[in-house]
Amino acid sequence: NYADSAKGRFTISRDNAKNTVYLQMNSLKPEDTAVYYCTVF
């Protein structure tokens, strides 16, 4: 699931064998400037 601002531009994926999550960010905009934090449950 994505925030509206991310839909169509960002793709989240995960590799369960590596316990790793990815965020592919395309068509970046100045308003995407931020500190990005990953989180796991």
All heavy atoms as atom14 arrays in JSON, in Angstrom:
{
  "sequence": "NYADSAKGRFTISRDNAKNTVYLQMNSLKPEDTAVYYCTVF",
  "atom14_mask": [
    [1, 1, 1, 1, 1, 1, 1, 1, 0, 0, 0, 0, 0, 0],
    [1, 1, 1, 1, 1, 1, 1, 1, 1, 1, 1, 1, 0, 0],
    [1, 1, 1, 1, 1, 0, 0, 0, 0, 0, 0, 0, 0, 0],
    [1, 1, 1, 1, 1, 1, 1, 1, 0, 0, 0, 0, 0, 0],
    [1, 1, 1, 1, 1, 1, 0, 0, 0, 0, 0, 0, 0, 0],
    [1, 1, 1, 1, 1, 0, 0, 0, 0, 0, 0, 0, 0, 0],
    [1, 1, 1, 1, 1, 1, 1, 1, 1, 0, 0, 0, 0, 0],
    [1, 1, 1, 1, 0, 0, 0, 0, 0, 0, 0, 0, 0, 0],
    [1, 1, 1, 1, 1, 1, 1, 1, 1, 1, 1, 0, 0, 0],
    [1, 1, 1, 1, 1, 1, 1, 1, 1, 1, 1, 0, 0, 0],
    [1, 1, 1, 1, 1, 1, 1, 0, 0, 0, 0, 0, 0, 0],
    [1, 1, 1, 1, 1, 1, 1, 1, 0, 0, 0, 0, 0, 0],
    [1, 1, 1, 1, 1, 1, 0, 0, 0, 0, 0, 0, 0, 0],
    [1, 1, 1, 1, 1, 1, 1, 1, 1, 1, 1, 0, 0, 0],
    [1, 1, 1, 1, 1, 1, 1, 1, 0, 0, 0, 0, 0, 0],
    [1, 1, 1, 1, 1, 1, 1, 1, 0, 0, 0, 0, 0, 0],
    [1, 1, 1, 1, 1, 0, 0, 0, 0, 0, 0, 0, 0, 0],
    [1, 1, 1, 1, 1, 1, 1, 1, 1, 0, 0, 0, 0, 0],
    [1, 1, 1, 1, 1, 1, 1, 1, 0, 0, 0, 0, 0, 0],
    [1, 1, 1, 1, 1, 1, 1, 0, 0, 0, 0, 0, 0, 0],
    [1, 1, 1, 1, 1, 1, 1, 0, 0, 0, 0, 0, 0, 0],
    [1, 1, 1, 1, 1, 1, 1, 1, 1, 1, 1, 1, 0, 0],
    [1, 1, 1, 1, 1, 1, 1, 1, 0, 0, 0, 0, 0, 0],
    [1, 1, 1, 1, 1, 1, 1, 1, 1, 0, 0, 0, 0, 0],
    [1, 1, 1, 1, 1, 1, 1, 1, 0, 0, 0, 0, 0, 0],
    [1, 1, 1, 1, 1, 1, 1, 1, 0, 0, 0, 0, 0, 0],
    [1, 1, 1, 1, 1, 1, 0, 0, 0, 0, 0, 0, 0, 0],
    [1, 1, 1, 1, 1, 1, 1, 1, 0, 0, 0, 0, 0, 0],
    [1, 1, 1, 1, 1, 1, 1, 1, 1, 0, 0, 0, 0, 0],
    [1, 1, 1, 1, 1, 1, 1, 0, 0, 0, 0, 0, 0, 0],
    [1, 1, 1, 1, 1, 1, 1, 1, 1, 0, 0, 0, 0, 0],
    [1, 1, 1, 1, 1, 1, 1, 1, 0, 0, 0, 0, 0, 0],
    [1, 1, 1, 1, 1, 1, 1, 0, 0, 0, 0, 0, 0, 0],
    [1, 1, 1, 1, 1, 0, 0, 0, 0, 0, 0, 0, 0, 0],
    [1, 1, 1, 1, 1, 1, 1, 0, 0, 0, 0, 0, 0, 0],
    [1, 1, 1, 1, 1, 1, 1, 1, 1, 1, 1, 1, 0, 0],
    [1, 1, 1, 1, 1, 1, 1, 1, 1, 1, 1, 1, 0, 0],
    [1, 1, 1, 1, 1, 1, 0, 0, 0, 0, 0, 0, 0, 0],
    [1, 1, 1, 1, 1, 1, 1, 0, 0, 0, 0, 0, 0, 0],
    [1, 1, 1, 1, 1, 1, 1, 0, 0, 0, 0, 0, 0, 0],
    [1, 1, 1, 1, 1, 1, 1, 1, 1, 1, 1, 0, 0, 0]
  ],
  "atom14_positions": [
    [[0.86, -1.19, 0.0], [0.0, 0.0, 0.0], [0.89, 1.23, 0.0], [1.98, 1.22, 0.57], [-0.92, 0.02, 1.22], [-2.08, -0.94, 1.07], [-2.99, -0.71, 0.27], [-2.05, -2.02, 1.81], [0.0, 0.0, 0.0], [0.0, 0.0, 0.0], [0.0, 0.0, 0.0], [0.0, 0.0, 0.0], [0.0, 0.0, 0.0], [0.0, 0.0, 0.0]],
    [[0.38, 2.28, -0.64], [1.18, 3.49, -0.82], [0.41, 4.73, -0.41], [-0.82, 4.79, -0.54], [1.58, 3.64, -2.29], [2.45, 2.54, -2.83], [1.88, 1.41, -3.39], [3.83, 2.64, -2.78], [2.67, 0.38, -3.88], [4.63, 1.64, -3.27], [4.05, 0.5, -3.82], [4.85, -0.51, -4.31], [0.0, 0.0, 0.0], [0.0, 0.0, 0.0]],
    [[1.15, 5.73, 0.05], [0.58, 7.06, 0.21], [0.23, 7.59, -1.17], [0.86, 7.21, -2.18], [1.58, 7.99, 0.89], [0.0, 0.0, 0.0], [0.0, 0.0, 0.0], [0.0, 0.0, 0.0], [0.0, 0.0, 0.0], [0.0, 0.0, 0.0], [0.0, 0.0, 0.0], [0.0, 0.0, 0.0], [0.0, 0.0, 0.0], [0.0, 0.0, 0.0]],
    [[-0.76, 8.45, -1.24], [-1.17, 8.98, -2.54], [0.0, 9.64, -3.27], [0.11, 9.54, -4.49], [-2.31, 9.99, -2.35], [-3.63, 9.32, -2.0], [-3.75, 8.1, -2.2], [-4.53, 10.02, -1.5], [0.0, 0.0, 0.0], [0.0, 0.0, 0.0], [0.0, 0.0, 0.0], [0.0, 0.0, 0.0], [0.0, 0.0, 0.0], [0.0, 0.0, 0.0]],
    [[0.86, 10.29, -2.52], [1.99, 11.0, -3.14], [3.0, 10.05, -3.76], [3.8, 10.46, -4.6], [2.69, 11.88, -2.1], [3.19, 11.08, -1.04], [0.0, 0.0, 0.0], [0.0, 0.0, 0.0], [0.0, 0.0, 0.0], [0.0, 0.0, 0.0], [0.0, 0.0, 0.0], [0.0, 0.0, 0.0], [0.0, 0.0, 0.0], [0.0, 0.0, 0.0]],
    [[2.97, 8.79, -3.35], [3.94, 7.81, -3.84], [3.39, 6.92, -4.96], [4.17, 6.3, -5.69], [4.42, 6.93, -2.69], [0.0, 0.0, 0.0], [0.0, 0.0, 0.0], [0.0, 0.0, 0.0], [0.0, 0.0, 0.0], [0.0, 0.0, 0.0], [0.0, 0.0, 0.0], [0.0, 0.0, 0.0], [0.0, 0.0, 0.0], [0.0, 0.0, 0.0]],
    [[2.1, 6.87, -5.08], [1.48, 5.97, -6.06], [1.93, 6.32, -7.47], [1.94, 7.48, -7.87], [-0.04, 6.05, -5.96], [-0.61, 5.41, -4.71], [-2.12, 5.57, -4.64], [-2.67, 4.94, -3.37], [-4.15, 5.15, -3.25], [0.0, 0.0, 0.0], [0.0, 0.0, 0.0], [0.0, 0.0, 0.0], [0.0, 0.0, 0.0], [0.0, 0.0, 0.0]],
    [[2.32, 5.29, -8.2], [2.74, 5.46, -9.58], [4.19, 5.86, -9.76], [4.7, 5.83, -10.88], [0.0, 0.0, 0.0], [0.0, 0.0, 0.0], [0.0, 0.0, 0.0], [0.0, 0.0, 0.0], [0.0, 0.0, 0.0], [0.0, 0.0, 0.0], [0.0, 0.0, 0.0], [0.0, 0.0, 0.0], [0.0, 0.0, 0.0], [0.0, 0.0, 0.0]],
    [[4.84, 6.25, -8.67], [6.25, 6.66, -8.77], [7.18, 5.78, -7.95], [8.33, 5.56, -8.33], [6.4, 8.12, -8.31], [5.61, 9.12, -9.12], [5.96, 10.56, -8.72], [5.67, 10.82, -7.31], [6.57, 11.31, -6.46], [7.8, 11.57, -6.85], [6.22, 11.54, -5.2], [0.0, 0.0, 0.0], [0.0, 0.0, 0.0], [0.0, 0.0, 0.0]],
    [[6.69, 5.32, -6.8], [7.52, 4.52, -5.9], [7.05, 3.07, -5.91], [5.86, 2.79, -6.07], [7.42, 5.04, -4.47], [7.98, 6.42, -4.26], [8.52, 7.17, -5.3], [7.95, 6.99, -2.99], [9.03, 8.44, -5.1], [8.46, 8.27, -2.76], [8.99, 8.99, -3.83], [0.0, 0.0, 0.0], [0.0, 0.0, 0.0], [0.0, 0.0, 0.0]],
    [[8.0, 2.15, -5.7], [7.68, 0.74, -5.6], [8.39, 0.15, -4.39], [9.62, 0.25, -4.28], [8.1, -0.03, -6.85], [7.45, 0.53, -8.0], [7.7, -1.5, -6.74], [0.0, 0.0, 0.0], [0.0, 0.0, 0.0], [0.0, 0.0, 0.0], [0.0, 0.0, 0.0], [0.0, 0.0, 0.0], [0.0, 0.0, 0.0], [0.0, 0.0, 0.0]],
    [[7.62, -0.46, -3.51], [8.2, -1.13, -2.35], [8.29, -2.62, -2.65], [7.4, -3.19, -3.3], [7.38, -0.86, -1.07], [8.12, -1.38, 0.17], [5.98, -1.45, -1.18], [7.47, -0.94, 1.49], [0.0, 0.0, 0.0], [0.0, 0.0, 0.0], [0.0, 0.0, 0.0], [0.0, 0.0, 0.0], [0.0, 0.0, 0.0], [0.0, 0.0, 0.0]],
    [[9.37, -3.24, -2.21], [9.53, -4.68, -2.39], [10.34, -5.22, -1.2], [10.92, -4.45, -0.44], [10.23, -4.99, -3.71], [11.51, -4.4, -3.74], [0.0, 0.0, 0.0], [0.0, 0.0, 0.0], [0.0, 0.0, 0.0], [0.0, 0.0, 0.0], [0.0, 0.0, 0.0], [0.0, 0.0, 0.0], [0.0, 0.0, 0.0], [0.0, 0.0, 0.0]],
    [[10.36, -6.53, -1.07], [11.09, -7.13, 0.04], [11.68, -8.46, -0.4], [11.14, -9.14, -1.27], [10.2, -7.31, 1.26], [9.02, -8.24, 1.07], [8.06, -8.18, 2.26], [8.59, -8.86, 3.43], [8.01, -8.82, 4.63], [6.9, -8.1, 4.81], [8.52, -9.49, 5.65], [0.0, 0.0, 0.0], [0.0, 0.0, 0.0], [0.0, 0.0, 0.0]],
    [[12.79, -8.8, 0.25], [13.43, -10.09, 0.07], [13.41, -10.76, 1.43], [14.21, -10.42, 2.31], [14.86, -9.89, -0.45], [15.55, -11.21, -0.76], [15.2, -12.24, -0.14], [16.46, -11.2, -1.6], [0.0, 0.0, 0.0], [0.0, 0.0, 0.0], [0.0, 0.0, 0.0], [0.0, 0.0, 0.0], [0.0, 0.0, 0.0], [0.0, 0.0, 0.0]],
    [[12.49, -11.68, 1.61], [12.33, -12.29, 2.92], [13.54, -13.12, 3.32], [13.87, -13.22, 4.51], [11.07, -13.17, 2.94], [9.8, -12.35, 2.85], [9.75, -11.2, 3.31], [8.76, -12.91, 2.26], [0.0, 0.0, 0.0], [0.0, 0.0, 0.0], [0.0, 0.0, 0.0], [0.0, 0.0, 0.0], [0.0, 0.0, 0.0], [0.0, 0.0, 0.0]],
    [[14.23, -13.69, 2.37], [15.42, -14.49, 2.68], [16.53, -13.61, 3.24], [17.36, -14.09, 4.03], [15.9, -15.22, 1.44], [0.0, 0.0, 0.0], [0.0, 0.0, 0.0], [0.0, 0.0, 0.0], [0.0, 0.0, 0.0], [0.0, 0.0, 0.0], [0.0, 0.0, 0.0], [0.0, 0.0, 0.0], [0.0, 0.0, 0.0], [0.0, 0.0, 0.0]],
    [[16.55, -12.34, 2.85], [17.59, -11.42, 3.3], [17.07, -10.46, 4.37], [17.82, -9.59, 4.82], [18.13, -10.62, 2.12], [18.83, -11.46, 1.07], [19.37, -10.58, -0.06], [20.1, -11.41, -1.09], [20.62, -10.57, -2.22], [0.0, 0.0, 0.0], [0.0, 0.0, 0.0], [0.0, 0.0, 0.0], [0.0, 0.0, 0.0], [0.0, 0.0, 0.0]],
    [[15.79, -10.6, 4.74], [15.2, -9.67, 5.71], [15.43, -8.22, 5.31], [15.8, -7.38, 6.13], [15.73, -9.93, 7.12], [15.3, -11.27, 7.68], [14.16, -11.68, 7.51], [16.23, -11.96, 8.32], [0.0, 0.0, 0.0], [0.0, 0.0, 0.0], [0.0, 0.0, 0.0], [0.0, 0.0, 0.0], [0.0, 0.0, 0.0], [0.0, 0.0, 0.0]],
    [[15.22, -7.96, 4.05], [15.51, -6.64, 3.48], [14.3, -6.09, 2.77], [13.59, -6.83, 2.08], [16.7, -6.72, 2.52], [17.86, -7.18, 3.23], [17.01, -5.36, 1.91], [0.0, 0.0, 0.0], [0.0, 0.0, 0.0], [0.0, 0.0, 0.0], [0.0, 0.0, 0.0], [0.0, 0.0, 0.0], [0.0, 0.0, 0.0], [0.0, 0.0, 0.0]],
    [[14.09, -4.78, 2.95], [13.01, -4.1, 2.24], [13.63, -2.99, 1.39], [14.64, -2.39, 1.79], [11.96, -3.53, 3.22], [12.57, -2.52, 4.18], [10.76, -2.94, 2.49], [0.0, 0.0, 0.0], [0.0, 0.0, 0.0], [0.0, 0.0, 0.0], [0.0, 0.0, 0.0], [0.0, 0.0, 0.0], [0.0, 0.0, 0.0], [0.0, 0.0, 0.0]],
    [[13.03, -2.76, 0.24], [13.55, -1.79, -0.72], [12.47, -0.76, -1.04], [11.27, -1.04, -0.95], [13.98, -2.47, -2.01], [14.96, -3.6, -1.83], [14.51, -4.91, -1.74], [16.32, -3.36, -1.74], [15.41, -5.96, -1.57], [17.23, -4.4, -1.58], [16.76, -5.69, -1.5], [17.66, -6.72, -1.33], [0.0, 0.0, 0.0], [0.0, 0.0, 0.0]],
    [[12.9, 0.41, -1.45], [11.99, 1.42, -1.97], [12.62, 2.02, -3.22], [13.62, 2.73, -3.13], [11.71, 2.52, -0.94], [10.65, 3.54, -1.35], [9.27, 2.87, -1.43], [10.61, 4.72, -0.39], [0.0, 0.0, 0.0], [0.0, 0.0, 0.0], [0.0, 0.0, 0.0], [0.0, 0.0, 0.0], [0.0, 0.0, 0.0], [0.0, 0.0, 0.0]],
    [[12.05, 1.67, -4.36], [12.49, 2.25, -5.62], [11.7, 3.53, -5.85], [10.47, 3.49, -5.91], [12.26, 1.27, -6.77], [12.62, 1.81, -8.14], [14.11, 2.05, -8.31], [14.92, 1.23, -7.88], [14.48, 3.18, -8.9], [0.0, 0.0, 0.0], [0.0, 0.0, 0.0], [0.0, 0.0, 0.0], [0.0, 0.0, 0.0], [0.0, 0.0, 0.0]],
    [[12.4, 4.64, -5.95], [11.75, 5.94, -6.11], [12.12, 6.52, -7.47], [13.3, 6.77, -7.74], [12.19, 6.88, -4.99], [11.92, 6.33, -3.6], [12.25, 7.54, -2.29], [14.02, 7.68, -2.42], [0.0, 0.0, 0.0], [0.0, 0.0, 0.0], [0.0, 0.0, 0.0], [0.0, 0.0, 0.0], [0.0, 0.0, 0.0], [0.0, 0.0, 0.0]],
    [[11.13, 6.71, -8.31], [11.32, 7.26, -9.64], [10.6, 8.61, -9.75], [9.74, 8.94, -8.93], [10.77, 6.31, -10.7], [11.48, 4.97, -10.7], [12.68, 4.89, -10.41], [10.75, 3.91, -11.04], [0.0, 0.0, 0.0], [0.0, 0.0, 0.0], [0.0, 0.0, 0.0], [0.0, 0.0, 0.0], [0.0, 0.0, 0.0], [0.0, 0.0, 0.0]],
    [[10.96, 9.35, -10.78], [10.32, 10.65, -11.04], [10.29, 11.5, -9.76], [9.26, 12.07, -9.4], [8.89, 10.46, -11.56], [8.9, 9.67, -12.74], [0.0, 0.0, 0.0], [0.0, 0.0, 0.0], [0.0, 0.0, 0.0], [0.0, 0.0, 0.0], [0.0, 0.0, 0.0], [0.0, 0.0, 0.0], [0.0, 0.0, 0.0], [0.0, 0.0, 0.0]],
    [[11.42, 11.58, -9.12], [11.49, 12.29, -7.84], [11.22, 13.78, -8.01], [11.59, 14.38, -9.03], [12.84, 12.06, -7.18], [12.98, 10.69, -6.51], [14.44, 10.33, -6.3], [12.23, 10.68, -5.19], [0.0, 0.0, 0.0], [0.0, 0.0, 0.0], [0.0, 0.0, 0.0], [0.0, 0.0, 0.0], [0.0, 0.0, 0.0], [0.0, 0.0, 0.0]],
    [[10.59, 14.35, -7.01], [10.22, 15.76, -6.99], [10.89, 16.44, -5.79], [11.19, 15.78, -4.79], [8.71, 15.9, -6.87], [7.91, 15.16, -7.92], [6.41, 15.26, -7.63], [5.59, 14.49, -8.65], [4.13, 14.57, -8.36], [0.0, 0.0, 0.0], [0.0, 0.0, 0.0], [0.0, 0.0, 0.0], [0.0, 0.0, 0.0], [0.0, 0.0, 0.0]],
    [[11.08, 17.74, -5.86], [11.66, 18.44, -4.71], [10.88, 18.2, -3.41], [11.48, 18.13, -2.33], [11.61, 19.91, -5.13], [11.72, 19.87, -6.62], [10.94, 18.63, -7.03], [0.0, 0.0, 0.0], [0.0, 0.0, 0.0], [0.0, 0.0, 0.0], [0.0, 0.0, 0.0], [0.0, 0.0, 0.0], [0.0, 0.0, 0.0], [0.0, 0.0, 0.0]],
    [[9.58, 18.04, -3.52], [8.78, 17.8, -2.32], [8.98, 16.41, -1.72], [8.47, 16.12, -0.64], [7.29, 18.03, -2.58], [6.74, 17.31, -3.79], [6.72, 18.19, -5.04], [7.7, 18.92, -5.29], [5.7, 18.13, -5.76], [0.0, 0.0, 0.0], [0.0, 0.0, 0.0], [0.0, 0.0, 0.0], [0.0, 0.0, 0.0], [0.0, 0.0, 0.0]],
    [[9.73, 15.55, -2.41], [10.1, 14.25, -1.84], [11.29, 14.36, -0.9], [11.65, 13.39, -0.22], [10.44, 13.25, -2.94], [9.26, 12.9, -3.82], [8.15, 12.72, -3.28], [9.44, 12.82, -5.06], [0.0, 0.0, 0.0], [0.0, 0.0, 0.0], [0.0, 0.0, 0.0], [0.0, 0.0, 0.0], [0.0, 0.0, 0.0], [0.0, 0.0, 0.0]],
    [[11.9, 15.54, -0.85], [13.03, 15.75, 0.05], [12.62, 15.49, 1.5], [11.65, 16.07, 1.99], [13.57, 17.19, -0.08], [14.11, 17.36, -1.38], [14.64, 17.48, 0.97], [0.0, 0.0, 0.0], [0.0, 0.0, 0.0], [0.0, 0.0, 0.0], [0.0, 0.0, 0.0], [0.0, 0.0, 0.0], [0.0, 0.0, 0.0], [0.0, 0.0, 0.0]],
    [[13.35, 14.58, 2.16], [12.97, 14.17, 3.51], [14.0, 13.19, 4.04], [14.84, 12.67, 3.28], [11.6, 13.5, 3.51], [0.0, 0.0, 0.0], [0.0, 0.0, 0.0], [0.0, 0.0, 0.0], [0.0, 0.0, 0.0], [0.0, 0.0, 0.0], [0.0, 0.0, 0.0], [0.0, 0.0, 0.0], [0.0, 0.0, 0.0], [0.0, 0.0, 0.0]],
    [[13.93, 12.93, 5.32], [14.63, 11.79, 5.88], [13.69, 10.59, 5.78], [12.53, 10.67, 6.18], [15.03, 12.02, 7.36], [15.71, 10.78, 7.93], [15.94, 13.24, 7.48], [0.0, 0.0, 0.0], [0.0, 0.0, 0.0], [0.0, 0.0, 0.0], [0.0, 0.0, 0.0], [0.0, 0.0, 0.0], [0.0, 0.0, 0.0], [0.0, 0.0, 0.0]],
    [[14.2, 9.52, 5.21], [13.4, 8.31, 5.01], [13.8, 7.26, 6.05], [14.98, 6.96, 6.22], [13.6, 7.77, 3.59], [12.85, 8.58, 2.56], [13.28, 9.86, 2.21], [11.68, 8.1, 1.97], [12.58, 10.63, 1.29], [10.98, 8.87, 1.05], [11.43, 10.13, 0.72], [10.73, 10.89, -0.18], [0.0, 0.0, 0.0], [0.0, 0.0, 0.0]],
    [[12.79, 6.72, 6.72], [13.0, 5.73, 7.77], [12.34, 4.41, 7.37], [11.19, 4.41, 6.93], [12.36, 6.19, 9.08], [12.92, 7.45, 9.66], [12.38, 8.69, 9.33], [13.99, 7.42, 10.55], [12.89, 9.87, 9.87], [14.5, 8.58, 11.1], [13.94, 9.8, 10.75], [14.45, 10.95, 11.3], [0.0, 0.0, 0.0], [0.0, 0.0, 0.0]],
    [[13.05, 3.34, 7.54], [12.39, 2.05, 7.36], [11.88, 1.57, 8.71], [12.37, 1.98, 9.76], [13.31, 1.01, 6.71], [14.6, 0.37, 7.77], [0.0, 0.0, 0.0], [0.0, 0.0, 0.0], [0.0, 0.0, 0.0], [0.0, 0.0, 0.0], [0.0, 0.0, 0.0], [0.0, 0.0, 0.0], [0.0, 0.0, 0.0], [0.0, 0.0, 0.0]],
    [[10.9, 0.71, 8.66], [10.31, 0.17, 9.87], [9.89, -1.27, 9.63], [9.53, -1.64, 8.5], [9.1, 1.02, 10.31], [8.62, 0.57, 11.58], [7.97, 0.95, 9.3], [0.0, 0.0, 0.0], [0.0, 0.0, 0.0], [0.0, 0.0, 0.0], [0.0, 0.0, 0.0], [0.0, 0.0, 0.0], [0.0, 0.0, 0.0], [0.0, 0.0, 0.0]],
    [[9.98, -2.08, 10.66], [9.51, -3.46, 10.57], [8.68, -3.78, 11.81], [8.86, -3.2, 12.88], [10.67, -4.48, 10.45], [11.5, -4.22, 9.23], [11.52, -4.5, 11.7], [0.0, 0.0, 0.0], [0.0, 0.0, 0.0], [0.0, 0.0, 0.0], [0.0, 0.0, 0.0], [0.0, 0.0, 0.0], [0.0, 0.0, 0.0], [0.0, 0.0, 0.0]],
    [[7.75, -4.69, 11.62], [6.89, -5.16, 12.69], [7.18, -6.65, 12.89], [7.07, -7.45, 11.95], [5.42, -4.97, 12.33], [5.03, -3.54, 12.14], [5.28, -2.88, 10.94], [4.4, -2.83, 13.14], [4.92, -1.56, 10.75], [4.02, -1.51, 12.97], [4.3, -0.87, 11.77], [0.0, 0.0, 0.0], [0.0, 0.0, 0.0], [0.0, 0.0, 0.0]]
  ]
}
